[in-house]
């Protein structure tokens, strides 16, 4: 926590598995090499603690598929997430 204000900055690393179907891709020139996707990423965020039990999170995430050697880097993306946390 930062002194005086109830804000906690954080950083993180995440990994994920997913499935991507060519039918869901709007760019016809982007060919999906492997439908089963693994992703690596990192995130930066802040939590504003409203009460002892409830907080609001704002987070920026970078999702990367560049670990796959034959996959186009156009699948990499940025995400902004807003959420409510309950402790």
C-alpha atoms as a PDB file:
ATOM      1  CA  UNK A   1       0.000   0.000   0.000  1.00  0.00           C
ATOM      2  CA  UNK A   2       1.041   3.553  -0.609  1.00  0.00           C
ATOM      3  CA  UNK A   3       1.138   5.799   2.442  1.00  0.00           C
ATOM      4  CA  UNK A   4      -1.925   8.020   3.042  1.00  0.00           C
ATOM      5  CA  UNK A   5      -3.997   6.748   0.056  1.00  0.00           C
ATOM      6  CA  UNK A   6      -5.506   3.224  -0.060  1.00  0.00           C
ATOM      7  CA  UNK A   7      -3.909   2.311  -3.413  1.00  0.00           C
ATOM      8  CA  UNK A   8      -1.720  -0.743  -4.029  1.00  0.00           C
ATOM      9  CA  UNK A   9       0.213  -0.977  -7.314  1.00  0.00           C
ATOM     10  CA  UNK A  10       1.172  -4.443  -8.555  1.00  0.00           C
ATOM     11  CA  UNK A  11       2.894  -6.272 -11.410  1.00  0.00           C
ATOM     12  CA  UNK A  12       2.478  -9.870 -12.468  1.00  0.00           C
ATOM     13  CA  UNK A  13       3.231 -12.586 -14.975  1.00  0.00           C
ATOM     14  CA  UNK A  14       0.626 -14.980 -16.316  1.00  0.00           C
ATOM     15  CA  UNK A  15       0.351 -17.967 -18.626  1.00  0.00           C
ATOM     16  CA  UNK A  16      -2.715 -19.353 -20.327  1.00  0.00           C
ATOM     17  CA  UNK A  17      -4.079 -21.994 -22.632  1.00  0.00           C
ATOM     18  CA  UNK A  18      -6.873 -21.468 -25.111  1.00  0.00           C
ATOM     19  CA  UNK A  19      -8.417 -22.463 -28.392  1.00  0.00           C
ATOM     20  CA  UNK A  20      -8.557 -20.177 -31.405  1.00  0.00           C
ATOM     21  CA  UNK A  21     -10.585 -21.098 -34.464  1.00  0.00           C
ATOM     22  CA  UNK A  22      -9.832 -19.668 -37.919  1.00  0.00           C
ATOM     23  CA  UNK A  23     -13.565 -18.838 -38.243  1.00  0.00           C
ATOM     24  CA  UNK A  24     -13.181 -16.261 -35.432  1.00  0.00           C
ATOM     25  CA  UNK A  25     -10.400 -14.325 -37.187  1.00  0.00           C
ATOM     26  CA  UNK A  26     -11.631 -11.350 -39.224  1.00  0.00           C
ATOM     27  CA  UNK A  27      -8.373 -10.860 -41.191  1.00  0.00           C
ATOM     28  CA  UNK A  28      -8.389 -13.365 -44.107  1.00  0.00           C
ATOM     29  CA  UNK A  29      -4.626 -13.000 -44.570  1.00  0.00           C
ATOM     30  CA  UNK A  30      -3.941 -14.234 -41.010  1.00  0.00           C
ATOM     31  CA  UNK A  31      -3.614 -17.999 -41.012  1.00  0.00           C
ATOM     32  CA  UNK A  32      -3.807 -19.789 -37.674  1.00  0.00           C
ATOM     33  CA  UNK A  33      -0.928 -22.282 -37.469  1.00  0.00           C
ATOM     34  CA  UNK A  34      -2.038 -24.079 -34.322  1.00  0.00           C
ATOM     35  CA  UNK A  35      -5.568 -23.977 -32.922  1.00  0.00           C
ATOM     36  CA  UNK A  36      -4.471 -24.829 -29.385  1.00  0.00           C
ATOM     37  CA  UNK A  37      -2.864 -21.656 -28.089  1.00  0.00           C
ATOM     38  CA  UNK A  38      -0.489 -21.106 -25.239  1.00  0.00           C
ATOM     39  CA  UNK A  39       0.172 -17.548 -24.141  1.00  0.00           C
ATOM     40  CA  UNK A  40       2.577 -15.721 -21.924  1.00  0.00           C
ATOM     41  CA  UNK A  41       1.995 -12.253 -20.631  1.00  0.00           C
ATOM     42  CA  UNK A  42       2.570  -9.629 -18.021  1.00  0.00           C
ATOM     43  CA  UNK A  43       0.345  -7.146 -16.267  1.00  0.00           C
ATOM     44  CA  UNK A  44       0.487  -3.881 -14.384  1.00  0.00           C
ATOM     45  CA  UNK A  45      -2.293  -2.653 -12.187  1.00  0.00           C
ATOM     46  CA  UNK A  46      -3.514  -0.744  -9.188  1.00  0.00           C
ATOM     47  CA  UNK A  47      -6.033  -1.664  -6.529  1.00  0.00           C
ATOM     48  CA  UNK A  48      -8.072   0.984  -4.750  1.00  0.00           C
ATOM     49  CA  UNK A  49      -9.350  -0.420  -1.463  1.00  0.00           C
ATOM     50  CA  UNK A  50     -12.867   0.982  -0.920  1.00  0.00           C
ATOM     51  CA  UNK A  51     -13.519  -0.898   2.312  1.00  0.00           C
ATOM     52  CA  UNK A  52     -11.686  -3.609   4.205  1.00  0.00           C
ATOM     53  CA  UNK A  53     -13.526  -6.229   2.130  1.00  0.00           C
ATOM     54  CA  UNK A  54     -14.051  -4.569  -1.294  1.00  0.00           C
ATOM     55  CA  UNK A  55     -11.549  -3.158  -3.773  1.00  0.00           C
ATOM     56  CA  UNK A  56     -11.514  -1.852  -7.347  1.00  0.00           C
ATOM     57  CA  UNK A  57      -8.831  -3.042  -9.735  1.00  0.00           C
ATOM     58  CA  UNK A  58      -7.597  -1.384 -12.914  1.00  0.00           C
ATOM     59  CA  UNK A  59      -5.146  -3.460 -14.931  1.00  0.00           C
ATOM     60  CA  UNK A  60      -3.292  -3.379 -18.246  1.00  0.00           C
ATOM     61  CA  UNK A  61      -2.288  -6.751 -19.684  1.00  0.00           C
ATOM     62  CA  UNK A  62      -0.017  -7.734 -22.547  1.00  0.00           C
ATOM     63  CA  UNK A  63      -0.855 -11.134 -24.052  1.00  0.00           C
ATOM     64  CA  UNK A  64       1.909 -12.670 -26.148  1.00  0.00           C
ATOM     65  CA  UNK A  65       1.913 -15.625 -28.514  1.00  0.00           C
ATOM     66  CA  UNK A  66       5.416 -14.916 -29.825  1.00  0.00           C
ATOM     67  CA  UNK A  67       6.783 -17.946 -27.964  1.00  0.00           C
ATOM     68  CA  UNK A  68       5.314 -20.035 -30.804  1.00  0.00           C
ATOM     69  CA  UNK A  69       7.959 -19.999 -33.506  1.00  0.00           C
ATOM     70  CA  UNK A  70       5.699 -20.182 -36.589  1.00  0.00           C
ATOM     71  CA  UNK A  71       2.827 -17.975 -35.400  1.00  0.00           C
ATOM     72  CA  UNK A  72       2.163 -14.488 -36.729  1.00  0.00           C
ATOM     73  CA  UNK A  73       2.766 -11.749 -34.137  1.00  0.00           C
ATOM     74  CA  UNK A  74      -0.568 -10.090 -35.071  1.00  0.00           C
ATOM     75  CA  UNK A  75      -2.207 -12.364 -32.477  1.00  0.00           C
ATOM     76  CA  UNK A  76      -0.465 -10.463 -29.688  1.00  0.00           C
ATOM     77  CA  UNK A  77      -2.765  -8.022 -27.941  1.00  0.00           C
ATOM     78  CA  UNK A  78      -3.206  -5.550 -25.133  1.00  0.00           C
ATOM     79  CA  UNK A  79      -6.112  -5.694 -22.701  1.00  0.00           C
ATOM     80  CA  UNK A  80      -7.489  -3.240 -20.156  1.00  0.00           C
ATOM     81  CA  UNK A  81      -9.454  -4.767 -17.293  1.00  0.00           C
ATOM     82  CA  UNK A  82     -11.555  -3.182 -14.604  1.00  0.00           C
ATOM     83  CA  UNK A  83     -12.840  -5.300 -11.775  1.00  0.00           C
ATOM     84  CA  UNK A  84     -14.235  -5.546  -8.282  1.00  0.00           C
ATOM     85  CA  UNK A  85     -12.368  -7.639  -5.745  1.00  0.00           C
ATOM     86  CA  UNK A  86     -13.922  -9.167  -2.647  1.00  0.00           C
ATOM     87  CA  UNK A  87     -11.705 -10.373   0.194  1.00  0.00           C
END
